[in-house]
């Protein structure tokens, strides 16, 4: 269910929501437009280089700054499968699940992998496999949070529950 395999793209500590999606694009809520400008100010060619299923690996405090849903929407719509960071800003953490973006915490991954490495993230079993290398433990995503993600986020989950 929560199993992802992809190439990683590393970002440092304190990547704020303005770096993820610049404020000048917040006049739209179109997910495709947001995705086309993902990380534009800190990695101008990022959206041209990533592939569907790739994974962002970041340092401490990923998603700090403004409490906007646009950031996880842009990441998800760009085709990033999940994010693994040392830690997250609290509001970004919550917004990610509300928008249906799987995120995981690992204090060690960033320090031991190179940009472009291939990894497998298994959110069910709670591990990250560095292909050709070692395995790191992560907290598995609880079933009720997996439901939110699989339904596409909180609003879609609530709509599904209301119908059902």
N, C-alpha and C. Protein backbone atom coordinates (compact mmCIF):
# COMPACT_ATOMS: atom_id res chain seq x y z
N UNK A 1 0.82 -1.20 0.00
CA UNK A 1 0.00 0.00 0.00
C UNK A 1 0.86 1.26 0.00
N UNK A 2 1.67 1.43 1.03
CA UNK A 2 2.55 2.59 1.15
C UNK A 2 3.97 2.16 0.83
N UNK A 3 4.22 1.81 -0.43
CA UNK A 3 5.52 1.33 -0.86
C UNK A 3 5.95 2.14 -2.07
N UNK A 4 7.12 2.80 -1.96
CA UNK A 4 7.59 3.69 -3.00
C UNK A 4 9.03 3.36 -3.35
N UNK A 5 9.35 3.42 -4.63
CA UNK A 5 10.72 3.18 -5.10
C UNK A 5 11.04 4.27 -6.10
N UNK A 6 12.15 4.98 -5.86
CA UNK A 6 12.50 6.03 -6.79
C UNK A 6 13.86 6.63 -6.53
N UNK A 7 14.22 7.53 -7.42
CA UNK A 7 15.47 8.27 -7.32
C UNK A 7 15.27 9.44 -6.36
N UNK A 8 16.30 9.69 -5.56
CA UNK A 8 16.16 10.77 -4.57
C UNK A 8 16.75 12.09 -5.07
N UNK A 9 16.14 13.15 -4.56
CA UNK A 9 16.58 14.52 -4.78
C UNK A 9 16.75 15.14 -3.41
N UNK A 10 17.99 15.49 -3.09
CA UNK A 10 18.31 15.99 -1.75
C UNK A 10 18.16 17.50 -1.63
N UNK A 11 17.61 17.92 -0.50
CA UNK A 11 17.51 19.33 -0.14
C UNK A 11 17.99 19.47 1.30
N UNK A 12 18.56 20.62 1.62
CA UNK A 12 19.16 20.88 2.92
C UNK A 12 18.13 21.12 4.01
N UNK A 13 18.60 21.62 5.14
CA UNK A 13 17.74 21.99 6.27
C UNK A 13 16.95 23.26 5.95
N UNK A 14 15.84 23.41 6.66
CA UNK A 14 15.03 24.64 6.66
C UNK A 14 14.54 25.06 5.27
N UNK A 15 14.11 24.09 4.48
CA UNK A 15 13.48 24.42 3.19
C UNK A 15 12.07 24.88 3.51
N UNK A 16 11.82 26.17 3.29
CA UNK A 16 10.51 26.72 3.66
C UNK A 16 9.50 26.62 2.52
N UNK A 17 8.27 26.89 2.85
CA UNK A 17 7.21 26.75 1.85
C UNK A 17 7.38 27.74 0.70
N UNK A 18 8.05 28.87 0.93
CA UNK A 18 8.33 29.81 -0.16
C UNK A 18 9.34 29.23 -1.14
N UNK A 19 10.25 28.39 -0.66
CA UNK A 19 11.20 27.73 -1.55
C UNK A 19 10.52 26.60 -2.31
N UNK A 20 9.58 25.93 -1.65
CA UNK A 20 8.86 24.83 -2.31
C UNK A 20 7.98 25.38 -3.43
N UNK A 21 7.20 26.41 -3.12
CA UNK A 21 6.39 27.09 -4.14
C UNK A 21 6.39 28.57 -3.78
N UNK A 22 6.97 29.37 -4.65
CA UNK A 22 7.14 30.80 -4.39
C UNK A 22 5.79 31.50 -4.25
N UNK A 23 5.76 32.49 -3.37
CA UNK A 23 4.52 33.24 -3.08
C UNK A 23 3.89 33.85 -4.33
N UNK A 24 4.69 34.17 -5.33
CA UNK A 24 4.13 34.79 -6.55
C UNK A 24 3.18 33.86 -7.31
N UNK A 25 3.19 32.57 -6.96
CA UNK A 25 2.30 31.61 -7.63
C UNK A 25 1.07 31.25 -6.80
N UNK A 26 0.90 31.91 -5.68
CA UNK A 26 -0.20 31.55 -4.80
C UNK A 26 -1.54 32.12 -5.23
N UNK A 27 -1.55 32.84 -6.35
CA UNK A 27 -2.82 33.35 -6.87
C UNK A 27 -3.56 32.28 -7.67
N UNK A 28 -3.01 31.08 -7.74
CA UNK A 28 -3.69 29.98 -8.41
C UNK A 28 -3.83 28.81 -7.45
N UNK A 29 -4.87 28.05 -7.66
CA UNK A 29 -5.01 26.80 -6.90
C UNK A 29 -4.95 25.60 -7.85
N UNK A 30 -4.58 25.86 -9.10
CA UNK A 30 -4.45 24.81 -10.10
C UNK A 30 -3.23 23.95 -9.78
N UNK A 31 -3.42 22.69 -9.39
CA UNK A 31 -2.29 21.84 -8.99
C UNK A 31 -1.21 21.71 -10.07
N UNK A 32 -1.59 21.67 -11.34
CA UNK A 32 -0.60 21.52 -12.41
C UNK A 32 0.26 22.76 -12.55
N UNK A 33 -0.34 23.93 -12.39
CA UNK A 33 0.44 25.17 -12.44
C UNK A 33 1.40 25.22 -11.26
N UNK A 34 0.92 24.88 -10.08
CA UNK A 34 1.79 24.86 -8.90
C UNK A 34 2.95 23.89 -9.11
N UNK A 35 2.66 22.71 -9.60
CA UNK A 35 3.70 21.70 -9.82
C UNK A 35 4.76 22.17 -10.81
N UNK A 36 4.36 22.94 -11.79
CA UNK A 36 5.32 23.41 -12.80
C UNK A 36 6.34 24.40 -12.24
N UNK A 37 6.09 24.90 -11.03
CA UNK A 37 7.01 25.86 -10.41
C UNK A 37 7.65 25.32 -9.13
N UNK A 38 7.56 24.01 -8.91
CA UNK A 38 8.10 23.38 -7.70
C UNK A 38 9.60 23.64 -7.57
N UNK A 39 10.02 24.14 -6.42
CA UNK A 39 11.42 24.40 -6.08
C UNK A 39 12.12 25.34 -7.07
N UNK A 40 11.38 26.09 -7.82
CA UNK A 40 11.90 26.92 -8.90
C UNK A 40 13.01 27.88 -8.47
N UNK A 41 12.88 28.51 -7.31
CA UNK A 41 13.86 29.51 -6.90
C UNK A 41 15.15 28.92 -6.33
N UNK A 42 15.11 27.67 -5.87
CA UNK A 42 16.33 27.06 -5.32
C UNK A 42 16.92 25.98 -6.23
N UNK A 43 16.12 25.46 -7.15
CA UNK A 43 16.59 24.45 -8.11
C UNK A 43 15.82 24.67 -9.41
N UNK A 44 16.25 25.67 -10.21
CA UNK A 44 15.47 26.12 -11.38
C UNK A 44 15.05 25.03 -12.36
N UNK A 45 15.85 23.99 -12.56
CA UNK A 45 15.50 22.94 -13.52
C UNK A 45 14.88 21.71 -12.87
N UNK A 46 14.54 21.80 -11.60
CA UNK A 46 14.07 20.65 -10.84
C UNK A 46 12.92 19.93 -11.53
N UNK A 47 11.87 20.65 -11.92
CA UNK A 47 10.70 19.98 -12.51
C UNK A 47 11.00 19.36 -13.86
N UNK A 48 12.04 19.83 -14.53
CA UNK A 48 12.42 19.23 -15.82
C UNK A 48 13.21 17.94 -15.62
N UNK A 49 13.84 17.80 -14.45
CA UNK A 49 14.71 16.65 -14.19
C UNK A 49 14.00 15.50 -13.48
N UNK A 50 12.99 15.80 -12.68
CA UNK A 50 12.37 14.75 -11.88
C UNK A 50 11.52 13.82 -12.74
N UNK A 51 11.35 12.63 -12.24
CA UNK A 51 10.48 11.66 -12.89
C UNK A 51 9.38 11.24 -11.94
N UNK A 52 8.30 10.73 -12.48
CA UNK A 52 7.20 10.24 -11.65
C UNK A 52 7.73 9.17 -10.72
N UNK A 53 7.40 9.31 -9.45
CA UNK A 53 7.83 8.34 -8.45
C UNK A 53 9.13 8.70 -7.74
N UNK A 54 9.78 9.78 -8.15
CA UNK A 54 10.99 10.22 -7.46
C UNK A 54 10.65 10.64 -6.03
N UNK A 55 11.68 10.76 -5.21
CA UNK A 55 11.51 10.99 -3.77
C UNK A 55 12.38 12.16 -3.33
N UNK A 56 11.80 13.08 -2.58
CA UNK A 56 12.58 14.16 -1.98
C UNK A 56 13.12 13.68 -0.64
N UNK A 57 14.41 13.89 -0.42
CA UNK A 57 15.05 13.60 0.86
C UNK A 57 15.60 14.92 1.38
N UNK A 58 15.17 15.32 2.56
CA UNK A 58 15.54 16.64 3.08
C UNK A 58 16.08 16.55 4.50
N UNK A 59 16.67 17.67 4.91
CA UNK A 59 17.23 17.77 6.25
C UNK A 59 16.17 18.13 7.28
N UNK A 60 16.57 18.89 8.27
CA UNK A 60 15.70 19.30 9.37
C UNK A 60 14.69 20.37 8.93
N UNK A 61 13.53 20.35 9.57
CA UNK A 61 12.55 21.43 9.49
C UNK A 61 12.02 21.67 8.08
N UNK A 62 11.82 20.61 7.31
CA UNK A 62 11.30 20.75 5.95
C UNK A 62 9.87 21.31 6.01
N UNK A 63 9.60 22.28 5.16
CA UNK A 63 8.26 22.87 5.08
C UNK A 63 8.00 23.96 6.11
N UNK A 64 9.06 24.55 6.65
CA UNK A 64 8.86 25.64 7.62
C UNK A 64 8.32 26.88 6.89
N UNK A 65 7.93 27.87 7.64
CA UNK A 65 7.44 29.10 7.04
C UNK A 65 5.93 29.16 7.03
N UNK A 66 5.40 29.68 5.97
CA UNK A 66 3.95 29.89 5.85
C UNK A 66 3.17 28.59 5.90
N UNK A 67 1.96 28.67 6.43
CA UNK A 67 1.12 27.48 6.54
C UNK A 67 0.20 27.38 5.34
N UNK A 68 0.78 27.06 4.21
CA UNK A 68 -0.02 26.98 2.99
C UNK A 68 -0.07 25.55 2.45
N UNK A 69 -1.26 25.18 2.00
CA UNK A 69 -1.45 23.85 1.44
C UNK A 69 -0.82 23.72 0.06
N UNK A 70 -0.50 24.85 -0.57
CA UNK A 70 0.05 24.84 -1.92
C UNK A 70 1.33 24.01 -2.01
N UNK A 71 2.14 24.02 -0.94
CA UNK A 71 3.43 23.32 -0.98
C UNK A 71 3.27 21.80 -1.14
N UNK A 72 2.53 21.11 -0.29
CA UNK A 72 2.38 19.67 -0.52
C UNK A 72 1.60 19.35 -1.80
N UNK A 73 0.68 20.23 -2.19
CA UNK A 73 -0.05 20.01 -3.45
C UNK A 73 0.93 20.03 -4.62
N UNK A 74 1.83 21.03 -4.64
CA UNK A 74 2.80 21.14 -5.73
C UNK A 74 3.71 19.93 -5.79
N UNK A 75 4.17 19.46 -4.62
CA UNK A 75 5.05 18.29 -4.57
C UNK A 75 4.34 17.06 -5.11
N UNK A 76 3.14 16.84 -4.63
CA UNK A 76 2.37 15.66 -5.04
C UNK A 76 2.04 15.71 -6.54
N UNK A 77 1.58 16.85 -7.01
CA UNK A 77 1.17 16.98 -8.41
C UNK A 77 2.35 16.86 -9.36
N UNK A 78 3.54 17.22 -8.90
CA UNK A 78 4.74 17.11 -9.75
C UNK A 78 5.16 15.66 -9.96
N UNK A 79 4.56 14.74 -9.22
CA UNK A 79 4.87 13.32 -9.38
C UNK A 79 5.81 12.76 -8.34
N UNK A 80 6.18 13.59 -7.35
CA UNK A 80 7.03 13.10 -6.26
C UNK A 80 6.19 12.10 -5.46
N UNK A 81 6.74 10.89 -5.25
CA UNK A 81 5.99 9.83 -4.57
C UNK A 81 5.83 10.10 -3.08
N UNK A 82 6.91 10.60 -2.46
CA UNK A 82 6.89 10.87 -1.03
C UNK A 82 8.08 11.74 -0.67
N UNK A 83 8.07 12.20 0.56
CA UNK A 83 9.18 12.99 1.09
C UNK A 83 9.68 12.28 2.34
N UNK A 84 11.01 12.21 2.46
CA UNK A 84 11.65 11.69 3.67
C UNK A 84 12.56 12.80 4.19
N UNK A 85 12.29 13.28 5.38
CA UNK A 85 13.11 14.36 5.95
C UNK A 85 13.53 14.00 7.37
N UNK A 86 14.56 14.70 7.84
CA UNK A 86 14.99 14.51 9.23
C UNK A 86 13.88 14.96 10.18
N UNK A 87 13.21 16.07 9.82
CA UNK A 87 12.06 16.55 10.60
C UNK A 87 11.27 17.52 9.73
N UNK A 88 10.04 17.81 10.17
CA UNK A 88 9.13 18.69 9.43
C UNK A 88 8.62 19.80 10.33
N UNK A 89 8.30 20.91 9.71
CA UNK A 89 7.54 21.93 10.43
C UNK A 89 6.16 21.33 10.69
N UNK A 90 5.62 21.59 11.85
CA UNK A 90 4.37 20.94 12.27
C UNK A 90 3.22 21.17 11.29
N UNK A 91 3.03 22.41 10.83
CA UNK A 91 1.89 22.68 9.94
C UNK A 91 2.08 22.00 8.58
N UNK A 92 3.32 21.91 8.08
CA UNK A 92 3.57 21.21 6.82
C UNK A 92 3.26 19.73 6.99
N UNK A 93 3.66 19.17 8.12
CA UNK A 93 3.39 17.76 8.41
C UNK A 93 1.89 17.49 8.30
N UNK A 94 1.11 18.31 8.96
CA UNK A 94 -0.35 18.12 8.95
C UNK A 94 -0.93 18.36 7.56
N UNK A 95 -0.49 19.44 6.91
CA UNK A 95 -0.99 19.75 5.56
C UNK A 95 -0.68 18.64 4.57
N UNK A 96 0.46 18.00 4.73
CA UNK A 96 0.83 16.92 3.80
C UNK A 96 -0.18 15.79 3.86
N UNK A 97 -0.52 15.35 5.05
CA UNK A 97 -1.52 14.29 5.15
C UNK A 97 -2.89 14.77 4.68
N UNK A 98 -3.22 16.01 5.01
CA UNK A 98 -4.52 16.56 4.57
C UNK A 98 -4.62 16.65 3.05
N UNK A 99 -3.49 16.83 2.37
CA UNK A 99 -3.48 16.93 0.91
C UNK A 99 -3.17 15.59 0.25
N UNK A 100 -2.88 14.56 1.03
CA UNK A 100 -2.64 13.23 0.49
C UNK A 100 -1.20 12.96 0.07
N UNK A 101 -0.24 13.72 0.63
CA UNK A 101 1.18 13.50 0.32
C UNK A 101 1.82 12.66 1.42
N UNK A 102 2.33 11.47 1.07
CA UNK A 102 3.00 10.64 2.08
C UNK A 102 4.35 11.24 2.48
N UNK A 103 4.57 11.36 3.79
CA UNK A 103 5.84 11.86 4.30
C UNK A 103 6.33 10.94 5.42
N UNK A 104 7.66 10.86 5.52
CA UNK A 104 8.29 9.98 6.50
C UNK A 104 9.45 10.72 7.14
N UNK A 105 9.81 10.31 8.35
CA UNK A 105 10.96 10.89 9.04
C UNK A 105 12.07 9.87 9.17
N UNK A 106 13.29 10.32 8.86
CA UNK A 106 14.49 9.52 9.08
C UNK A 106 15.61 10.48 9.44
N UNK A 107 16.16 10.30 10.62
CA UNK A 107 17.28 11.15 11.07
C UNK A 107 18.57 10.81 10.33
N UNK A 108 18.68 9.62 9.75
CA UNK A 108 19.94 9.14 9.19
C UNK A 108 20.04 9.17 7.67
N UNK A 109 18.94 9.04 6.95
CA UNK A 109 19.00 8.84 5.50
C UNK A 109 19.78 9.93 4.79
N UNK A 110 19.48 11.19 5.07
CA UNK A 110 20.10 12.31 4.35
C UNK A 110 21.62 12.23 4.42
N UNK A 111 22.14 11.84 5.57
CA UNK A 111 23.59 11.83 5.78
C UNK A 111 24.32 10.69 5.07
N UNK A 112 23.61 9.66 4.66
CA UNK A 112 24.30 8.48 4.11
C UNK A 112 24.00 8.19 2.64
N UNK A 113 23.17 9.02 2.00
CA UNK A 113 22.88 8.80 0.58
C UNK A 113 23.33 10.00 -0.25
N UNK A 114 23.64 9.72 -1.49
CA UNK A 114 23.99 10.78 -2.43
C UNK A 114 22.78 11.13 -3.27
N UNK A 115 22.76 12.35 -3.75
CA UNK A 115 21.71 12.77 -4.67
C UNK A 115 21.68 11.79 -5.85
N UNK A 116 20.50 11.37 -6.25
CA UNK A 116 20.36 10.44 -7.37
C UNK A 116 20.33 8.98 -6.97
N UNK A 117 20.60 8.67 -5.72
CA UNK A 117 20.55 7.27 -5.26
C UNK A 117 19.12 6.74 -5.41
N UNK A 118 19.01 5.44 -5.51
CA UNK A 118 17.71 4.79 -5.58
C UNK A 118 17.38 4.20 -4.21
N UNK A 119 16.15 4.45 -3.76
CA UNK A 119 15.71 3.89 -2.48
C UNK A 119 14.31 3.33 -2.61
N UNK A 120 13.96 2.47 -1.69
CA UNK A 120 12.60 1.96 -1.52
C UNK A 120 12.13 2.37 -0.13
N UNK A 121 10.97 2.98 -0.07
CA UNK A 121 10.38 3.37 1.20
C UNK A 121 9.16 2.49 1.41
N UNK A 122 9.17 1.73 2.49
CA UNK A 122 8.04 0.86 2.79
C UNK A 122 7.36 1.40 4.05
N UNK A 123 6.28 2.14 3.82
CA UNK A 123 5.54 2.75 4.92
C UNK A 123 4.68 1.78 5.69
N UNK A 124 4.43 0.62 5.12
CA UNK A 124 3.67 -0.41 5.83
C UNK A 124 4.54 -1.10 6.87
N UNK A 125 5.72 -1.51 6.45
CA UNK A 125 6.62 -2.26 7.32
C UNK A 125 7.54 -1.36 8.13
N UNK A 126 7.65 -0.09 7.74
CA UNK A 126 8.48 0.85 8.49
C UNK A 126 9.96 0.72 8.21
N UNK A 127 10.34 0.76 6.92
CA UNK A 127 11.76 0.71 6.60
C UNK A 127 12.05 1.41 5.28
N UNK A 128 13.31 1.82 5.16
CA UNK A 128 13.83 2.38 3.92
C UNK A 128 14.98 1.49 3.50
N UNK A 129 14.92 1.00 2.26
CA UNK A 129 16.01 0.21 1.71
C UNK A 129 16.78 1.08 0.74
N UNK A 130 18.06 1.26 1.02
CA UNK A 130 18.94 1.95 0.09
C UNK A 130 19.43 0.88 -0.87
N UNK A 131 19.03 0.96 -2.13
CA UNK A 131 19.33 -0.12 -3.06
C UNK A 131 20.83 -0.33 -3.16
N UNK A 132 21.24 -1.56 -2.95
CA UNK A 132 22.65 -1.90 -2.94
C UNK A 132 23.33 -1.58 -1.63
N UNK A 133 22.55 -1.22 -0.62
CA UNK A 133 23.15 -0.82 0.65
C UNK A 133 22.39 -1.33 1.84
N UNK A 134 22.14 -0.44 2.77
CA UNK A 134 21.57 -0.85 4.04
C UNK A 134 20.09 -0.51 4.16
N UNK A 135 19.51 -0.96 5.26
CA UNK A 135 18.10 -0.71 5.55
C UNK A 135 18.01 0.13 6.82
N UNK A 136 17.15 1.14 6.78
CA UNK A 136 16.93 2.02 7.93
C UNK A 136 15.50 1.89 8.42
N UNK A 137 15.30 1.92 9.73
CA UNK A 137 13.92 1.89 10.24
C UNK A 137 13.26 3.28 10.13
N UNK A 138 11.96 3.28 9.88
CA UNK A 138 11.14 4.49 9.94
C UNK A 138 9.84 4.11 10.63
N UNK A 139 9.11 5.10 11.09
CA UNK A 139 7.80 4.83 11.67
C UNK A 139 6.83 4.51 10.52
N UNK A 140 6.13 3.39 10.61
CA UNK A 140 5.11 3.12 9.59
C UNK A 140 3.98 4.12 9.72
N UNK A 141 3.29 4.37 8.62
CA UNK A 141 2.14 5.27 8.65
C UNK A 141 0.95 4.49 9.22
N UNK A 142 0.31 5.02 10.27
CA UNK A 142 -0.84 4.32 10.84
C UNK A 142 -1.96 4.13 9.80
N UNK A 143 -2.73 3.05 9.93
CA UNK A 143 -3.76 2.75 8.94
C UNK A 143 -4.74 3.90 8.65
N UNK A 144 -5.17 4.66 9.69
CA UNK A 144 -6.13 5.73 9.43
C UNK A 144 -5.49 6.86 8.62
N UNK A 145 -4.17 7.08 8.78
CA UNK A 145 -3.47 8.08 7.99
C UNK A 145 -3.25 7.56 6.56
N UNK A 146 -3.01 6.27 6.42
CA UNK A 146 -2.88 5.68 5.09
C UNK A 146 -4.18 5.86 4.32
N UNK A 147 -5.30 5.72 5.02
CA UNK A 147 -6.60 5.91 4.39
C UNK A 147 -6.73 7.33 3.83
N UNK A 148 -6.31 8.32 4.60
CA UNK A 148 -6.34 9.71 4.13
C UNK A 148 -5.54 9.86 2.84
N UNK A 149 -4.33 9.31 2.84
CA UNK A 149 -3.45 9.43 1.67
C UNK A 149 -4.05 8.71 0.47
N UNK A 150 -4.49 7.47 0.67
CA UNK A 150 -5.04 6.69 -0.43
C UNK A 150 -6.31 7.31 -1.01
N UNK A 151 -7.07 8.02 -0.18
CA UNK A 151 -8.27 8.68 -0.66
C UNK A 151 -7.97 10.01 -1.34
N UNK A 152 -6.71 10.46 -1.27
CA UNK A 152 -6.33 11.71 -1.93
C UNK A 152 -6.34 12.92 -1.01
N UNK A 153 -6.42 12.70 0.28
CA UNK A 153 -6.40 13.80 1.23
C UNK A 153 -7.66 13.84 2.08
N UNK A 154 -7.67 14.76 3.04
CA UNK A 154 -8.75 14.82 4.02
C UNK A 154 -10.11 15.11 3.39
N UNK A 155 -10.20 16.10 2.53
CA UNK A 155 -11.50 16.48 1.97
C UNK A 155 -12.09 15.34 1.12
N UNK A 156 -11.27 14.71 0.32
CA UNK A 156 -11.75 13.58 -0.49
C UNK A 156 -12.11 12.39 0.39
N UNK A 157 -11.36 12.22 1.48
CA UNK A 157 -11.66 11.15 2.43
C UNK A 157 -13.02 11.38 3.08
N UNK A 158 -13.27 12.62 3.52
CA UNK A 158 -14.56 12.94 4.15
C UNK A 158 -15.71 12.79 3.17
N UNK A 159 -15.50 13.21 1.92
CA UNK A 159 -16.55 13.06 0.90
C UNK A 159 -16.88 11.59 0.66
N UNK A 160 -15.83 10.76 0.64
CA UNK A 160 -16.01 9.32 0.44
C UNK A 160 -16.81 8.72 1.61
N UNK A 161 -16.45 9.13 2.83
CA UNK A 161 -17.15 8.63 4.03
C UNK A 161 -18.62 9.04 4.02
N UNK A 162 -18.88 10.27 3.57
CA UNK A 162 -20.24 10.77 3.53
C UNK A 162 -21.11 9.98 2.54
N UNK A 163 -20.51 9.62 1.39
CA UNK A 163 -21.22 8.83 0.38
C UNK A 163 -21.49 7.42 0.86
N UNK A 164 -20.45 6.86 1.57
CA UNK A 164 -20.45 5.46 1.93
C UNK A 164 -21.34 5.11 3.04
